[in-house]
N, C-alpha and C. Protein backbone atom coordinates (compact mmCIF):
# COMPACT_ATOMS: atom_id res chain seq x y z
N MET A 1 1.19 20.85 46.05
CA MET A 1 1.73 20.79 44.70
C MET A 1 1.26 19.52 43.99
N LYS A 2 1.23 18.38 44.71
CA LYS A 2 0.75 17.14 44.11
C LYS A 2 -0.69 17.29 43.64
N ASN A 3 -1.46 18.02 44.35
CA ASN A 3 -2.86 18.21 44.03
C ASN A 3 -3.02 18.96 42.70
N ILE A 4 -2.15 19.92 42.43
CA ILE A 4 -2.20 20.68 41.17
C ILE A 4 -1.88 19.77 40.00
N PHE A 5 -0.83 18.91 40.14
CA PHE A 5 -0.46 17.98 39.06
C PHE A 5 -1.57 16.98 38.77
N LYS A 6 -2.27 16.53 39.82
CA LYS A 6 -3.37 15.58 39.62
C LYS A 6 -4.50 16.22 38.82
N ARG A 7 -4.71 17.51 38.99
CA ARG A 7 -5.78 18.20 38.26
C ARG A 7 -5.34 18.59 36.84
N ILE A 8 -4.09 18.94 36.67
CA ILE A 8 -3.60 19.39 35.37
C ILE A 8 -3.38 18.22 34.42
N THR A 9 -2.92 17.09 34.90
CA THR A 9 -2.59 15.94 34.04
C THR A 9 -3.79 15.49 33.20
N PRO A 10 -4.98 15.26 33.79
CA PRO A 10 -6.11 14.86 32.94
C PRO A 10 -6.49 15.95 31.92
N LEU A 11 -6.34 17.20 32.31
CA LEU A 11 -6.65 18.29 31.39
C LEU A 11 -5.67 18.28 30.21
N LEU A 12 -4.39 18.06 30.45
CA LEU A 12 -3.40 18.00 29.37
C LEU A 12 -3.65 16.81 28.45
N VAL A 13 -4.00 15.67 29.01
CA VAL A 13 -4.30 14.49 28.20
C VAL A 13 -5.50 14.77 27.31
N LEU A 14 -6.52 15.39 27.84
CA LEU A 14 -7.71 15.72 27.07
C LEU A 14 -7.38 16.69 25.94
N ILE A 15 -6.56 17.67 26.19
CA ILE A 15 -6.16 18.62 25.15
C ILE A 15 -5.39 17.91 24.05
N LEU A 16 -4.50 17.01 24.41
CA LEU A 16 -3.73 16.26 23.41
C LEU A 16 -4.64 15.40 22.54
N ILE A 17 -5.58 14.73 23.14
CA ILE A 17 -6.50 13.87 22.39
C ILE A 17 -7.36 14.70 21.45
N LEU A 18 -7.87 15.83 21.90
CA LEU A 18 -8.74 16.66 21.07
C LEU A 18 -7.97 17.38 19.96
N SER A 19 -6.68 17.60 20.16
CA SER A 19 -5.92 18.30 19.13
C SER A 19 -5.46 17.38 18.01
N CYS A 20 -5.59 16.07 18.19
CA CYS A 20 -5.22 15.14 17.12
C CYS A 20 -6.24 15.22 16.00
N SER A 21 -5.77 14.98 14.78
CA SER A 21 -6.64 15.04 13.62
C SER A 21 -6.62 13.69 12.92
N ASN A 22 -7.73 13.31 12.33
CA ASN A 22 -7.77 12.06 11.58
C ASN A 22 -7.83 12.31 10.07
N ASP A 23 -7.49 13.54 9.63
CA ASP A 23 -7.58 13.83 8.20
C ASP A 23 -6.59 13.04 7.37
N ASP A 24 -5.56 12.46 7.98
CA ASP A 24 -4.64 11.63 7.22
C ASP A 24 -5.16 10.21 7.04
N ASP A 25 -6.28 9.90 7.67
CA ASP A 25 -6.87 8.57 7.55
C ASP A 25 -7.84 8.45 6.38
N THR A 26 -8.20 9.56 5.79
CA THR A 26 -9.16 9.52 4.70
C THR A 26 -8.46 9.74 3.37
N ILE A 27 -9.00 9.18 2.33
CA ILE A 27 -8.46 9.35 0.99
C ILE A 27 -9.12 10.57 0.37
N SER A 28 -8.31 11.52 -0.06
CA SER A 28 -8.88 12.71 -0.66
C SER A 28 -9.26 12.44 -2.11
N ALA A 29 -10.06 13.34 -2.66
CA ALA A 29 -10.49 13.20 -4.05
C ALA A 29 -9.30 13.28 -5.00
N ASN A 30 -8.19 13.89 -4.56
CA ASN A 30 -7.02 14.02 -5.42
C ASN A 30 -6.27 12.70 -5.60
N ASN A 31 -6.61 11.67 -4.86
CA ASN A 31 -5.94 10.38 -4.99
C ASN A 31 -6.58 9.49 -6.04
N THR A 32 -7.55 10.00 -6.76
CA THR A 32 -8.15 9.20 -7.82
C THR A 32 -7.21 9.16 -9.02
N PRO A 33 -7.13 8.03 -9.69
CA PRO A 33 -6.22 7.93 -10.85
C PRO A 33 -6.60 8.93 -11.95
N PRO A 34 -5.61 9.45 -12.66
CA PRO A 34 -5.91 10.40 -13.72
C PRO A 34 -6.58 9.73 -14.91
N THR A 35 -7.35 10.50 -15.65
CA THR A 35 -8.00 10.02 -16.86
C THR A 35 -7.31 10.67 -18.06
N LEU A 36 -6.99 9.85 -19.06
CA LEU A 36 -6.34 10.33 -20.27
C LEU A 36 -7.27 10.12 -21.45
N THR A 37 -7.38 11.12 -22.30
CA THR A 37 -8.21 11.01 -23.50
C THR A 37 -7.30 10.96 -24.74
N LYS A 38 -7.87 10.53 -25.85
CA LYS A 38 -7.11 10.50 -27.11
C LYS A 38 -6.72 11.91 -27.53
N GLU A 39 -7.55 12.87 -27.24
CA GLU A 39 -7.23 14.25 -27.58
C GLU A 39 -6.01 14.73 -26.79
N GLN A 40 -5.93 14.36 -25.51
CA GLN A 40 -4.76 14.73 -24.71
C GLN A 40 -3.49 14.03 -25.21
N LEU A 41 -3.63 12.80 -25.67
CA LEU A 41 -2.48 12.02 -26.12
C LEU A 41 -2.03 12.43 -27.52
N SER A 42 -2.92 13.05 -28.29
CA SER A 42 -2.57 13.46 -29.67
C SER A 42 -1.43 14.47 -29.64
N GLY A 43 -0.46 14.25 -30.53
CA GLY A 43 0.67 15.16 -30.62
C GLY A 43 1.98 14.40 -30.64
N THR A 44 3.07 15.15 -30.58
CA THR A 44 4.41 14.57 -30.62
C THR A 44 4.99 14.54 -29.22
N TRP A 45 5.54 13.39 -28.87
CA TRP A 45 6.06 13.14 -27.52
C TRP A 45 7.47 12.58 -27.59
N VAL A 46 8.22 12.80 -26.52
CA VAL A 46 9.53 12.17 -26.34
C VAL A 46 9.51 11.41 -25.02
N ILE A 47 10.40 10.44 -24.92
CA ILE A 47 10.53 9.71 -23.66
C ILE A 47 11.46 10.52 -22.76
N SER A 48 10.92 11.03 -21.67
CA SER A 48 11.72 11.81 -20.73
C SER A 48 12.26 10.95 -19.60
N TYR A 49 11.72 9.73 -19.47
CA TYR A 49 12.24 8.78 -18.48
C TYR A 49 11.74 7.39 -18.85
N PHE A 50 12.63 6.42 -18.81
CA PHE A 50 12.24 5.03 -19.02
C PHE A 50 13.13 4.15 -18.16
N GLU A 51 12.47 3.39 -17.30
CA GLU A 51 13.19 2.49 -16.40
C GLU A 51 12.71 1.07 -16.63
N ASN A 52 13.66 0.21 -16.94
CA ASN A 52 13.42 -1.21 -17.10
C ASN A 52 14.50 -1.91 -16.28
N GLN A 53 14.33 -1.88 -14.97
CA GLN A 53 15.29 -2.34 -13.96
C GLN A 53 16.50 -1.43 -13.87
N THR A 54 16.81 -0.67 -14.92
CA THR A 54 17.82 0.38 -14.89
C THR A 54 17.28 1.55 -15.71
N ASP A 55 17.87 2.71 -15.53
CA ASP A 55 17.45 3.89 -16.29
C ASP A 55 17.92 3.73 -17.73
N ARG A 56 16.97 3.66 -18.66
CA ARG A 56 17.27 3.45 -20.07
C ARG A 56 16.84 4.65 -20.92
N THR A 57 16.64 5.78 -20.30
CA THR A 57 16.14 6.97 -20.98
C THR A 57 17.03 7.34 -22.17
N LEU A 58 18.33 7.30 -22.00
CA LEU A 58 19.24 7.72 -23.07
C LEU A 58 19.11 6.86 -24.32
N ASP A 59 18.68 5.60 -24.18
CA ASP A 59 18.49 4.73 -25.34
C ASP A 59 17.45 5.30 -26.31
N TYR A 60 16.56 6.14 -25.79
CA TYR A 60 15.43 6.65 -26.58
C TYR A 60 15.53 8.14 -26.88
N GLU A 61 16.69 8.75 -26.66
CA GLU A 61 16.78 10.20 -26.80
C GLU A 61 16.54 10.70 -28.22
N GLU A 62 16.73 9.88 -29.22
CA GLU A 62 16.52 10.30 -30.61
C GLU A 62 15.10 10.00 -31.11
N PHE A 63 14.31 9.32 -30.31
CA PHE A 63 12.96 8.92 -30.73
C PHE A 63 11.96 10.07 -30.57
N ARG A 64 11.02 10.14 -31.50
CA ARG A 64 9.85 11.01 -31.40
C ARG A 64 8.65 10.12 -31.66
N PHE A 65 7.60 10.31 -30.89
CA PHE A 65 6.39 9.50 -31.04
C PHE A 65 5.22 10.42 -31.36
N LEU A 66 4.58 10.17 -32.49
CA LEU A 66 3.45 10.97 -32.92
C LEU A 66 2.17 10.15 -32.75
N PHE A 67 1.32 10.58 -31.82
CA PHE A 67 0.03 9.93 -31.59
C PHE A 67 -1.05 10.78 -32.26
N ASN A 68 -2.00 10.13 -32.93
CA ASN A 68 -3.16 10.86 -33.42
C ASN A 68 -4.41 10.33 -32.75
N ALA A 69 -5.52 10.98 -32.99
CA ALA A 69 -6.77 10.64 -32.28
C ALA A 69 -7.47 9.43 -32.86
N ILE A 70 -6.90 8.78 -33.88
CA ILE A 70 -7.57 7.61 -34.46
C ILE A 70 -6.72 6.35 -34.30
N ASP A 71 -6.15 6.18 -33.12
CA ASP A 71 -5.45 4.95 -32.72
C ASP A 71 -4.16 4.67 -33.47
N HIS A 72 -3.56 5.67 -34.07
CA HIS A 72 -2.31 5.47 -34.81
C HIS A 72 -1.17 6.16 -34.04
N VAL A 73 -0.02 5.46 -33.97
CA VAL A 73 1.18 6.06 -33.40
C VAL A 73 2.32 5.79 -34.36
N GLU A 74 3.20 6.75 -34.49
CA GLU A 74 4.36 6.59 -35.36
C GLU A 74 5.61 6.90 -34.55
N ALA A 75 6.59 6.01 -34.63
CA ALA A 75 7.88 6.23 -33.99
C ALA A 75 8.85 6.72 -35.04
N ASP A 76 9.43 7.88 -34.82
CA ASP A 76 10.40 8.44 -35.75
C ASP A 76 11.77 8.44 -35.06
N VAL A 77 12.75 7.81 -35.71
CA VAL A 77 14.12 7.79 -35.21
C VAL A 77 15.04 7.63 -36.41
N GLU A 78 16.13 8.39 -36.37
CA GLU A 78 17.04 8.41 -37.50
C GLU A 78 16.23 8.70 -38.76
N ASP A 79 16.33 7.89 -39.79
CA ASP A 79 15.53 8.10 -41.01
C ASP A 79 14.36 7.13 -41.08
N LEU A 80 14.01 6.53 -39.97
CA LEU A 80 12.95 5.53 -39.95
C LEU A 80 11.66 6.12 -39.39
N ASN A 81 10.55 5.73 -39.99
CA ASN A 81 9.22 6.04 -39.50
C ASN A 81 8.51 4.70 -39.35
N ILE A 82 8.29 4.30 -38.11
CA ILE A 82 7.73 2.97 -37.85
C ILE A 82 6.29 3.14 -37.36
N ASP A 83 5.37 2.53 -38.10
CA ASP A 83 3.96 2.63 -37.76
C ASP A 83 3.60 1.72 -36.61
N GLY A 84 2.62 2.18 -35.88
CA GLY A 84 2.10 1.39 -34.79
C GLY A 84 0.66 1.76 -34.51
N GLU A 85 0.09 1.10 -33.53
CA GLU A 85 -1.28 1.36 -33.12
C GLU A 85 -1.31 1.47 -31.60
N TYR A 86 -2.33 2.15 -31.13
CA TYR A 86 -2.55 2.17 -29.69
C TYR A 86 -4.04 2.08 -29.42
N ASP A 87 -4.35 1.59 -28.25
CA ASP A 87 -5.73 1.51 -27.79
C ASP A 87 -5.78 2.15 -26.42
N LEU A 88 -6.78 2.95 -26.20
CA LEU A 88 -6.96 3.65 -24.93
C LEU A 88 -8.25 3.14 -24.31
N PHE A 89 -8.17 2.60 -23.10
CA PHE A 89 -9.37 2.09 -22.46
C PHE A 89 -9.23 2.19 -20.95
N SER A 90 -10.32 1.97 -20.24
CA SER A 90 -10.32 2.01 -18.77
C SER A 90 -10.49 0.60 -18.25
N ASP A 91 -9.86 0.35 -17.10
CA ASP A 91 -10.00 -0.94 -16.45
C ASP A 91 -9.84 -0.76 -14.95
N GLU A 92 -10.50 -1.63 -14.21
CA GLU A 92 -10.44 -1.55 -12.76
C GLU A 92 -9.26 -2.36 -12.24
N ILE A 93 -8.45 -1.73 -11.40
CA ILE A 93 -7.30 -2.37 -10.78
C ILE A 93 -7.34 -2.03 -9.30
N ASN A 94 -7.40 -3.04 -8.46
CA ASN A 94 -7.44 -2.84 -7.01
C ASN A 94 -8.54 -1.86 -6.58
N GLY A 95 -9.70 -1.98 -7.22
CA GLY A 95 -10.85 -1.18 -6.82
C GLY A 95 -10.90 0.22 -7.38
N GLN A 96 -9.91 0.61 -8.19
CA GLN A 96 -9.92 1.94 -8.80
C GLN A 96 -9.86 1.81 -10.32
N THR A 97 -10.47 2.76 -11.01
CA THR A 97 -10.50 2.74 -12.46
C THR A 97 -9.32 3.53 -13.02
N TYR A 98 -8.51 2.85 -13.83
CA TYR A 98 -7.33 3.47 -14.43
C TYR A 98 -7.49 3.52 -15.94
N THR A 99 -6.83 4.51 -16.57
CA THR A 99 -6.72 4.55 -18.01
C THR A 99 -5.53 3.69 -18.42
N ILE A 100 -5.73 2.84 -19.40
CA ILE A 100 -4.69 1.95 -19.92
C ILE A 100 -4.41 2.35 -21.36
N VAL A 101 -3.13 2.42 -21.72
CA VAL A 101 -2.73 2.65 -23.10
C VAL A 101 -1.98 1.41 -23.56
N ASP A 102 -2.53 0.73 -24.55
CA ASP A 102 -1.93 -0.47 -25.12
C ASP A 102 -1.25 -0.08 -26.42
N ILE A 103 0.09 -0.20 -26.46
CA ILE A 103 0.87 0.27 -27.61
C ILE A 103 1.50 -0.93 -28.32
N SER A 104 1.47 -0.88 -29.66
CA SER A 104 2.17 -1.90 -30.46
C SER A 104 2.77 -1.22 -31.69
N PHE A 105 3.90 -1.77 -32.16
CA PHE A 105 4.57 -1.28 -33.36
C PHE A 105 4.83 -2.45 -34.29
N ARG A 106 4.81 -2.18 -35.60
CA ARG A 106 5.19 -3.22 -36.56
C ARG A 106 6.72 -3.25 -36.60
N GLU A 107 7.26 -4.37 -36.97
CA GLU A 107 8.72 -4.48 -37.06
C GLU A 107 9.20 -3.90 -38.37
N ASP A 108 10.35 -3.27 -38.34
CA ASP A 108 10.97 -2.70 -39.54
C ASP A 108 12.23 -3.50 -39.82
N SER A 109 12.31 -4.10 -40.98
CA SER A 109 13.42 -5.00 -41.31
C SER A 109 14.76 -4.29 -41.44
N SER A 110 14.76 -2.95 -41.48
CA SER A 110 16.01 -2.25 -41.71
C SER A 110 16.80 -1.96 -40.44
N SER A 111 16.23 -2.20 -39.25
CA SER A 111 16.97 -1.89 -38.03
C SER A 111 16.59 -2.80 -36.87
N THR A 112 17.47 -3.72 -36.58
CA THR A 112 17.26 -4.63 -35.44
C THR A 112 17.30 -3.86 -34.12
N ILE A 113 18.19 -2.89 -34.01
CA ILE A 113 18.32 -2.11 -32.77
C ILE A 113 17.03 -1.37 -32.47
N VAL A 114 16.49 -0.69 -33.47
CA VAL A 114 15.24 0.05 -33.27
C VAL A 114 14.11 -0.91 -32.92
N ASN A 115 14.03 -2.03 -33.61
CA ASN A 115 12.99 -3.02 -33.30
C ASN A 115 13.08 -3.48 -31.85
N ASN A 116 14.31 -3.74 -31.38
CA ASN A 116 14.47 -4.19 -30.00
C ASN A 116 14.05 -3.11 -29.00
N LEU A 117 14.39 -1.86 -29.29
CA LEU A 117 13.99 -0.77 -28.40
C LEU A 117 12.47 -0.60 -28.40
N LEU A 118 11.86 -0.67 -29.57
CA LEU A 118 10.41 -0.53 -29.63
C LEU A 118 9.70 -1.71 -28.98
N ARG A 119 10.29 -2.88 -29.07
CA ARG A 119 9.70 -4.07 -28.45
C ARG A 119 9.53 -3.86 -26.94
N ASP A 120 10.45 -3.12 -26.32
CA ASP A 120 10.33 -2.83 -24.89
C ASP A 120 9.16 -1.92 -24.56
N LEU A 121 8.65 -1.21 -25.56
CA LEU A 121 7.51 -0.30 -25.34
C LEU A 121 6.17 -0.94 -25.66
N ILE A 122 6.20 -2.13 -26.27
CA ILE A 122 4.95 -2.82 -26.62
C ILE A 122 4.39 -3.42 -25.34
N GLU A 123 3.46 -2.71 -24.75
CA GLU A 123 2.93 -3.06 -23.43
C GLU A 123 1.53 -2.48 -23.29
N GLU A 124 0.89 -2.91 -22.22
CA GLU A 124 -0.26 -2.17 -21.70
C GLU A 124 0.30 -1.32 -20.56
N TRP A 125 0.14 0.00 -20.72
CA TRP A 125 0.68 0.96 -19.76
C TRP A 125 -0.44 1.58 -18.95
N ILE A 126 -0.29 1.58 -17.63
CA ILE A 126 -1.25 2.21 -16.72
C ILE A 126 -0.86 3.68 -16.59
N VAL A 127 -1.81 4.58 -16.80
CA VAL A 127 -1.56 6.01 -16.59
C VAL A 127 -1.58 6.26 -15.09
N THR A 128 -0.44 6.68 -14.54
CA THR A 128 -0.34 6.90 -13.09
C THR A 128 -0.37 8.37 -12.72
N ALA A 129 0.03 9.25 -13.66
CA ALA A 129 0.03 10.69 -13.36
C ALA A 129 0.05 11.49 -14.65
N ILE A 130 -0.59 12.64 -14.60
CA ILE A 130 -0.54 13.63 -15.68
C ILE A 130 -0.31 14.97 -15.01
N ASN A 131 0.70 15.72 -15.48
CA ASN A 131 0.92 17.01 -14.83
C ASN A 131 -0.21 17.98 -15.16
N ASP A 132 -0.25 19.11 -14.46
CA ASP A 132 -1.38 20.03 -14.56
C ASP A 132 -1.65 20.54 -15.97
N ASN A 133 -0.61 20.79 -16.75
CA ASN A 133 -0.84 21.32 -18.10
C ASN A 133 -0.85 20.23 -19.16
N GLY A 134 -0.79 18.96 -18.75
CA GLY A 134 -0.93 17.84 -19.68
C GLY A 134 0.27 17.58 -20.56
N THR A 135 1.43 18.13 -20.20
CA THR A 135 2.62 17.97 -21.04
C THR A 135 3.51 16.81 -20.62
N THR A 136 3.25 16.21 -19.48
CA THR A 136 3.99 15.03 -19.05
C THR A 136 3.00 13.99 -18.53
N ILE A 137 3.14 12.77 -19.06
CA ILE A 137 2.29 11.66 -18.63
C ILE A 137 3.21 10.58 -18.08
N GLU A 138 2.86 10.04 -16.92
CA GLU A 138 3.64 8.97 -16.31
C GLU A 138 2.85 7.67 -16.39
N PHE A 139 3.57 6.60 -16.75
CA PHE A 139 2.96 5.28 -16.92
C PHE A 139 3.72 4.25 -16.10
N GLU A 140 3.02 3.17 -15.79
CA GLU A 140 3.64 1.99 -15.19
C GLU A 140 3.18 0.77 -15.97
N GLU A 141 4.10 -0.14 -16.21
CA GLU A 141 3.77 -1.37 -16.93
C GLU A 141 2.67 -2.11 -16.18
N ARG A 142 1.67 -2.58 -16.91
CA ARG A 142 0.53 -3.23 -16.28
C ARG A 142 0.86 -4.64 -15.79
N VAL A 143 1.55 -5.43 -16.60
CA VAL A 143 1.85 -6.82 -16.23
C VAL A 143 3.36 -7.00 -16.28
N SER A 144 3.94 -7.52 -15.19
CA SER A 144 5.39 -7.69 -15.15
C SER A 144 5.75 -8.82 -14.21
N ASN A 145 6.78 -9.58 -14.58
CA ASN A 145 7.34 -10.60 -13.69
C ASN A 145 8.44 -10.00 -12.83
N ASN A 146 8.88 -8.81 -13.16
CA ASN A 146 9.93 -8.09 -12.44
C ASN A 146 9.32 -6.82 -11.87
N PRO A 147 10.15 -5.97 -11.27
CA PRO A 147 9.57 -4.66 -10.92
C PRO A 147 9.03 -4.01 -12.19
N PRO A 148 7.88 -3.35 -12.11
CA PRO A 148 7.27 -2.81 -13.34
C PRO A 148 8.15 -1.75 -13.99
N GLU A 149 8.11 -1.73 -15.32
CA GLU A 149 8.79 -0.69 -16.06
C GLU A 149 8.05 0.62 -15.83
N ILE A 150 8.79 1.72 -15.86
CA ILE A 150 8.23 3.05 -15.67
C ILE A 150 8.54 3.86 -16.92
N LEU A 151 7.54 4.57 -17.43
CA LEU A 151 7.68 5.35 -18.65
C LEU A 151 7.09 6.73 -18.43
N HIS A 152 7.84 7.78 -18.80
CA HIS A 152 7.34 9.14 -18.78
C HIS A 152 7.44 9.71 -20.19
N LEU A 153 6.34 10.24 -20.68
CA LEU A 153 6.33 10.91 -21.98
C LEU A 153 6.14 12.41 -21.74
N THR A 154 6.91 13.20 -22.49
CA THR A 154 6.78 14.65 -22.42
C THR A 154 6.43 15.18 -23.80
N LYS A 155 5.43 16.06 -23.85
CA LYS A 155 4.93 16.58 -25.12
C LYS A 155 5.85 17.70 -25.62
N LEU A 156 6.11 17.64 -26.92
CA LEU A 156 6.91 18.71 -27.55
C LEU A 156 6.03 19.88 -27.96
């Protein structure tokens, strides 16, 4: 009986080694950062998620953001239409090329609350994900002294 175990043990070890796969050690093509174009960004969007150390999505539930293909963005909330600009460019971060969206808004003297909320969105945002049909875009704040802010836009 000992003789059978001595012969079977090396065979079992060999089977175990050969059945292991290293496919989890390689980076698939699907791990490349998504690319966003101005045409994809054009349209009306809402904030479906915004985290700035806490979930602040409800603060923006009345906002609508209209992006056009010529670097203009407009924030609509209540009876206010606040003009802004955006720039879309690519940059290398940790060896991978990401799409960056740099958003800015002008201040509106009629609403301090709206100005403060929009000030939180004036950032360079890294595009981290785009769903298959392009209706949801996920962003992460590019530069932060705290955990990065997270922003999700959903197209109307």
